[in-house]
Protein backbone atom coordinates (compact mmCIF):
# COMPACT_ATOMS: atom_id res chain seq x y z
CA MET A 1 30.84 -32.20 54.16
CA SER A 2 33.41 -29.57 54.07
CA ALA A 3 34.65 -27.76 51.26
CA ILE A 4 38.10 -28.69 49.27
CA ILE A 5 40.27 -25.93 49.97
CA VAL A 6 42.75 -24.88 47.32
CA GLY A 7 45.28 -22.24 47.95
CA VAL A 8 47.42 -19.68 45.94
CA LEU A 9 50.70 -18.65 47.38
CA ALA A 10 50.30 -15.07 47.83
CA LEU A 11 53.42 -13.68 48.73
CA GLN A 12 54.38 -12.01 45.34
CA GLY A 13 53.27 -12.24 41.51
CA ALA A 14 49.91 -12.93 39.80
CA PHE A 15 47.75 -14.43 42.53
CA TYR A 16 44.98 -12.64 42.38
CA GLU A 17 44.45 -13.61 38.67
CA HIS A 18 44.75 -17.16 39.94
CA LEU A 19 41.81 -16.66 42.24
CA GLN A 20 39.47 -15.35 39.49
CA LEU A 21 40.17 -18.12 37.14
CA LEU A 22 39.49 -20.75 39.96
CA LYS A 23 36.26 -19.39 40.91
CA LYS A 24 35.55 -19.14 36.86
CA ALA A 25 36.49 -22.81 36.66
CA ALA A 26 34.35 -23.82 39.68
CA ALA A 27 31.46 -22.22 38.17
CA THR A 28 32.15 -23.99 34.73
CA LEU A 29 32.35 -27.23 36.26
CA GLU A 30 29.37 -26.91 38.16
CA GLN A 31 27.37 -26.40 34.88
CA SER A 32 28.98 -29.31 32.98
CA LYS A 33 29.95 -31.90 35.44
CA SER A 34 27.24 -31.05 38.12
CA ILE A 35 30.21 -30.27 40.72
CA PRO A 36 28.62 -27.93 43.11
CA ALA A 37 30.92 -24.75 43.21
CA SER A 38 30.22 -24.94 46.95
CA GLN A 39 32.58 -27.97 46.96
CA TRP A 40 35.51 -25.44 46.60
CA GLU A 41 37.00 -22.82 48.49
CA PHE A 42 39.87 -20.67 47.27
CA ILE A 43 42.14 -18.93 49.56
CA GLU A 44 45.33 -16.88 49.48
CA VAL A 45 48.30 -18.33 51.18
CA ARG A 46 50.82 -16.47 53.27
CA THR A 47 51.27 -18.56 56.57
CA LYS A 48 51.82 -22.25 57.35
CA GLU A 49 48.37 -22.21 59.21
CA GLN A 50 46.81 -21.19 55.77
CA LEU A 51 48.95 -23.87 53.89
CA ASP A 52 47.76 -26.68 56.26
CA ARG A 53 44.32 -26.07 55.44
CA CYS A 54 45.00 -26.59 51.78
CA GLU A 55 44.33 -30.12 49.86
CA GLY A 56 45.76 -28.26 46.73
CA LEU A 57 48.15 -24.96 45.67
CA ILE A 58 49.01 -23.12 43.09
CA LEU A 59 52.61 -21.25 42.69
CA PRO A 60 51.90 -18.22 40.83
CA GLY A 61 53.97 -16.37 37.97
CA GLY A 62 56.11 -13.56 39.26
CA GLU A 63 59.58 -13.26 40.51
CA SER A 64 60.68 -16.90 41.64
CA THR A 65 64.05 -15.07 43.53
CA THR A 66 61.66 -12.76 45.43
CA ILE A 67 58.88 -15.32 45.92
CA SER A 68 61.56 -17.75 47.43
CA LEU A 69 63.22 -15.11 49.67
CA VAL A 70 60.10 -14.00 51.00
CA ALA A 71 59.13 -17.88 51.74
CA ALA A 72 62.13 -18.06 53.46
CA SER A 73 61.95 -15.06 55.53
CA SER A 74 58.36 -16.00 56.29
CA ASN A 75 59.70 -19.55 57.49
CA LEU A 76 57.10 -20.80 54.78
CA LEU A 77 59.74 -22.24 52.54
CA GLU A 78 60.34 -25.56 54.38
CA PRO A 79 56.41 -26.29 55.16
CA LEU A 80 56.18 -25.68 51.05
CA ARG A 81 58.56 -28.24 50.78
CA ASP A 82 56.87 -30.66 53.04
CA PHE A 83 53.45 -29.89 51.39
CA VAL A 84 54.80 -30.80 47.75
CA LYS A 85 57.24 -33.47 48.54
CA LEU A 86 56.34 -35.17 52.17
CA ASP A 87 52.54 -35.09 52.09
CA ARG A 88 52.94 -34.91 47.70
CA LYS A 89 49.53 -32.99 47.60
CA PRO A 90 48.69 -31.33 44.47
CA VAL A 91 50.58 -28.49 43.11
CA TRP A 92 50.74 -26.12 40.09
CA GLY A 93 53.65 -23.67 39.21
CA THR A 94 53.09 -21.17 36.61
CA CYS A 95 56.42 -19.74 35.16
CA ALA A 96 58.27 -18.81 38.39
CA GLY A 97 56.45 -21.15 39.97
CA LEU A 98 57.69 -23.83 37.41
CA ILE A 99 61.05 -22.68 38.36
CA LEU A 100 60.34 -23.11 41.98
CA LEU A 101 59.41 -26.87 41.50
CA ALA A 102 62.24 -27.85 39.56
CA GLU A 103 64.54 -30.08 40.94
CA SER A 104 67.26 -27.89 39.06
CA ALA A 105 67.52 -24.74 37.75
CA ASN A 106 70.14 -22.97 35.47
CA ARG A 107 71.27 -19.18 34.77
CA THR A 108 71.13 -19.01 38.54
CA LYS A 109 73.94 -18.40 41.19
CA LYS A 110 74.59 -20.87 43.75
CA GLY A 111 73.01 -19.54 46.92
CA GLY A 112 70.89 -16.69 45.01
CA GLN A 113 67.65 -18.70 44.49
CA GLU A 114 66.16 -21.75 46.76
CA LEU A 115 64.28 -24.14 45.20
CA ILE A 116 61.23 -26.29 46.32
CA GLY A 117 61.39 -29.16 44.09
CA GLY A 118 59.10 -31.97 43.16
CA LEU A 119 59.60 -32.18 39.39
CA ASP A 120 62.33 -34.01 37.84
CA VAL A 121 63.48 -31.37 35.52
CA ARG A 122 66.01 -28.72 34.87
CA VAL A 123 64.64 -25.57 34.17
CA ASN A 124 66.37 -22.78 31.91
CA ARG A 125 65.19 -19.53 33.47
CA ASN A 126 64.40 -16.59 31.00
CA HIS A 127 64.62 -18.83 28.39
CA PHE A 128 63.12 -16.63 25.82
CA GLY A 129 64.79 -13.26 26.80
CA ARG A 130 63.69 -10.06 28.48
CA GLN A 131 60.18 -8.95 29.51
CA THR A 132 60.59 -6.64 26.07
CA GLU A 133 60.55 -9.94 24.22
CA SER A 134 57.41 -11.52 25.99
CA PHE A 135 54.95 -12.93 23.36
CA GLN A 136 51.54 -14.96 22.87
CA ALA A 137 51.38 -18.06 20.98
CA PRO A 138 48.32 -20.55 20.23
CA LEU A 139 49.11 -23.73 22.22
CA GLU A 140 47.57 -27.14 21.58
CA LEU A 141 47.21 -28.95 24.89
CA PRO A 142 45.90 -32.39 24.28
CA PHE A 143 45.61 -33.22 28.09
CA LEU A 144 42.57 -30.78 28.08
CA GLU A 145 40.55 -33.38 25.91
CA SER A 146 40.05 -35.13 29.15
CA LEU A 147 37.57 -32.20 30.24
CA GLY A 148 35.02 -33.96 27.78
CA SER A 149 31.96 -32.12 27.90
CA SER A 150 33.29 -29.69 30.73
CA SER A 151 34.46 -27.58 27.91
CA GLN A 152 32.51 -26.76 24.56
CA ASP A 153 35.79 -24.91 23.65
CA THR A 154 38.25 -26.82 21.54
CA SER A 155 40.17 -24.03 20.14
CA PRO A 156 43.85 -23.88 20.62
CA PHE A 157 44.85 -22.25 24.37
CA THR A 158 46.36 -18.75 23.99
CA GLY A 159 49.96 -19.06 25.91
CA VAL A 160 51.33 -15.70 27.55
CA PHE A 161 54.97 -15.97 27.95
CA ILE A 162 56.57 -13.43 30.02
CA ARG A 163 60.49 -14.03 30.71
CA ALA A 164 59.28 -17.56 30.55
CA PRO A 165 61.27 -20.74 31.44
CA VAL A 166 61.24 -23.72 29.57
CA VAL A 167 62.17 -27.35 30.76
CA GLU A 168 65.61 -27.74 29.37
CA LYS A 169 66.34 -31.59 30.58
CA ILE A 170 64.10 -34.32 32.04
CA LEU A 171 66.23 -35.48 34.74
CA PRO A 172 66.30 -39.23 35.80
CA ASN A 173 64.55 -40.07 39.10
CA GLN A 174 66.45 -40.74 42.25
CA GLU A 175 66.40 -40.94 45.87
CA GLY A 176 68.02 -37.88 47.38
CA VAL A 177 69.69 -34.85 45.67
CA GLN A 178 70.24 -34.57 42.17
CA THR A 179 74.34 -34.94 42.59
CA GLU A 180 75.17 -34.42 39.07
CA GLU A 181 73.16 -31.38 38.87
CA GLU A 182 75.18 -29.89 41.96
CA LYS A 183 78.28 -30.21 39.88
CA ARG A 184 77.07 -27.92 37.30
CA GLU A 185 77.99 -23.96 37.54
CA GLU A 186 75.62 -21.53 38.13
CA THR A 187 72.79 -24.22 39.11
CA VAL A 188 70.84 -24.45 41.97
CA VAL A 189 69.35 -27.76 43.16
CA ALA A 190 66.30 -28.35 45.44
CA PRO A 191 67.05 -30.23 48.78
CA SER A 192 65.82 -33.98 49.18
CA ARG A 193 62.66 -35.23 50.70
CA GLU A 194 61.07 -38.48 51.34
CA ALA A 195 57.33 -39.19 51.01
CA LYS A 196 55.68 -39.38 54.38
CA ASP A 197 53.31 -42.53 53.85
CA GLN A 198 51.96 -45.01 51.18
CA VAL A 199 49.20 -42.47 49.86
CA ALA A 200 52.00 -39.90 49.13
CA LYS A 201 54.23 -42.32 47.69
CA GLU A 202 51.66 -43.35 45.43
CA ALA A 203 50.79 -39.74 44.44
CA MET A 204 54.19 -39.78 43.23
CA GLU A 205 55.83 -41.03 39.68
CA ASP A 206 59.19 -42.02 38.75
CA HIS A 207 58.97 -40.19 35.42
CA VAL A 208 58.08 -37.12 34.11
CA GLU A 209 55.26 -36.70 31.60
CA VAL A 210 55.44 -33.69 28.77
CA LEU A 211 52.25 -32.38 28.51
CA ALA A 212 52.87 -29.28 26.01
CA LYS A 213 55.66 -28.07 23.66
CA LEU A 214 55.93 -24.60 21.70
CA PRO A 215 56.58 -25.75 18.34
CA GLY A 216 58.11 -24.01 15.33
CA ARG A 217 60.71 -22.15 17.15
CA ALA A 218 63.34 -22.58 14.49
CA ALA A 219 61.14 -21.25 12.13
CA ARG A 220 60.49 -18.10 14.26
CA LEU A 221 64.22 -17.71 14.86
CA ALA A 222 65.24 -18.17 11.77
CA THR A 223 64.66 -14.68 10.06
CA ALA A 224 66.52 -13.29 13.04
CA GLY A 225 69.86 -15.15 11.83
CA VAL A 226 69.92 -17.36 14.75
CA ASP A 227 71.32 -20.72 14.58
CA ILE A 228 68.99 -23.71 16.15
CA PRO A 229 70.29 -26.94 16.90
CA ALA A 230 68.39 -29.53 14.87
CA GLU A 231 66.99 -31.43 17.95
CA GLN A 232 65.40 -28.47 19.15
CA GLU A 233 62.65 -28.49 15.89
CA THR A 234 60.65 -30.66 18.19
CA GLY A 235 59.79 -27.66 20.20
CA ASP A 236 60.49 -26.35 23.72
CA ILE A 237 59.05 -28.08 26.58
CA ILE A 238 56.42 -25.80 28.53
CA ALA A 239 54.20 -28.09 30.28
CA VAL A 240 55.06 -31.05 32.36
CA ARG A 241 53.52 -33.62 35.20
CA GLN A 242 54.95 -35.82 37.68
CA GLY A 243 52.41 -37.51 39.78
CA ASN A 244 50.35 -34.75 41.57
CA VAL A 245 53.22 -32.21 40.77
CA PHE A 246 52.21 -29.96 37.34
CA GLY A 247 54.25 -27.19 35.78
CA THR A 248 53.67 -24.69 32.72
CA SER A 249 55.89 -22.31 31.35
CA PHE A 250 53.42 -19.74 30.42
CA HIS A 251 50.68 -17.90 32.40
CA PRO A 252 46.97 -19.01 32.14
CA GLU A 253 45.95 -16.99 34.53
CA LEU A 254 46.80 -13.95 32.72
CA THR A 255 43.98 -14.82 29.85
CA ASP A 256 39.91 -15.12 30.56
CA ASP A 257 40.36 -19.01 29.74
CA ALA A 258 39.62 -21.20 32.86
CA ARG A 259 40.02 -24.61 30.86
CA ILE A 260 43.66 -25.33 32.47
CA HIS A 261 42.07 -24.57 35.76
CA ALA A 262 39.11 -26.53 35.45
CA TRP A 263 41.17 -29.61 34.45
CA TRP A 264 43.49 -29.01 37.65
CA LEU A 265 40.19 -28.79 39.88
CA LEU A 266 39.49 -32.33 38.64
CA GLN A 267 42.89 -33.55 39.38
CA ILE A 268 42.77 -32.38 42.95
CA GLN A 269 39.24 -33.93 43.43
CA GLU A 270 40.83 -37.38 42.33
CA ALA A 271 43.66 -36.79 44.90
CA VAL A 272 41.46 -36.04 47.54
CA ASN A 273 39.35 -39.09 46.87
CA ARG A 274 42.39 -41.44 46.92
CA ARG A 275 43.37 -40.10 50.22
CA ARG A 276 39.86 -40.32 51.50
CA ASP A 277 39.64 -44.15 50.19
CA ALA A 278 42.74 -44.93 51.96
CA LYS A 279 41.53 -43.59 54.80
CA GLY A 280 37.92 -45.64 54.39
CA LEU A 281 35.76 -42.15 54.03
CA PRO A 282 33.18 -41.55 51.76
CA LEU A 283 34.41 -39.94 48.30
CA ARG A 284 33.83 -36.50 46.89
């Protein structure tokens, strides 16, 4: 049986680091869950032909505007939208990748940044400030508990935040483009797409699941004399999932911790099995 091919978009940003952690995650799953590492093939994606081979895809951290412009000039932007929104195959975006997967992004001028979409959220770019204001923080990620015996490490995950965005608002799920978001100034909205078949539709969700928040923002900024509205005491949203589409504000690829990558490979395996089951093929 052929390997499950997982791609990392390699137009700009930290794609090499993702590839290394995917290999480490595959080795972890082989040891803990007896999933052969040979089940996986990890590739760099720069062309539509390479994208067409993939069952899952990572959009890495980097410069979201640059990635968008290079994808457009490489005739890859529309195939990426088809992959995410028509086929609804598993996609994970980190930092810049999260921005690209949002249905709406602010702090950008219209025409200056194109989005892929897939997550019904509005993202606030560079929420934490300039690169000199980057930081690390220990994160509690309850979704990693589903790894079970595949990870003996129960310590907090080190979140690396570099000019990081956050999910500013969960948007209502609707058919077509987010028309209310289009009315906002300095906001760009992703074009709409319709899932191409029943399998793709079943991989979609009509709601966004918040997987992680960054707590204590008000406490951190209090010493700087910054006023924080009371509702923000609940923390900034830094990880979300909607069906097969997953996004994180931070950079797991800039650590040596492969837990999120291992968790995500299991999500891809489940998605592949759903597709194979729908076609009456043997499961992985």
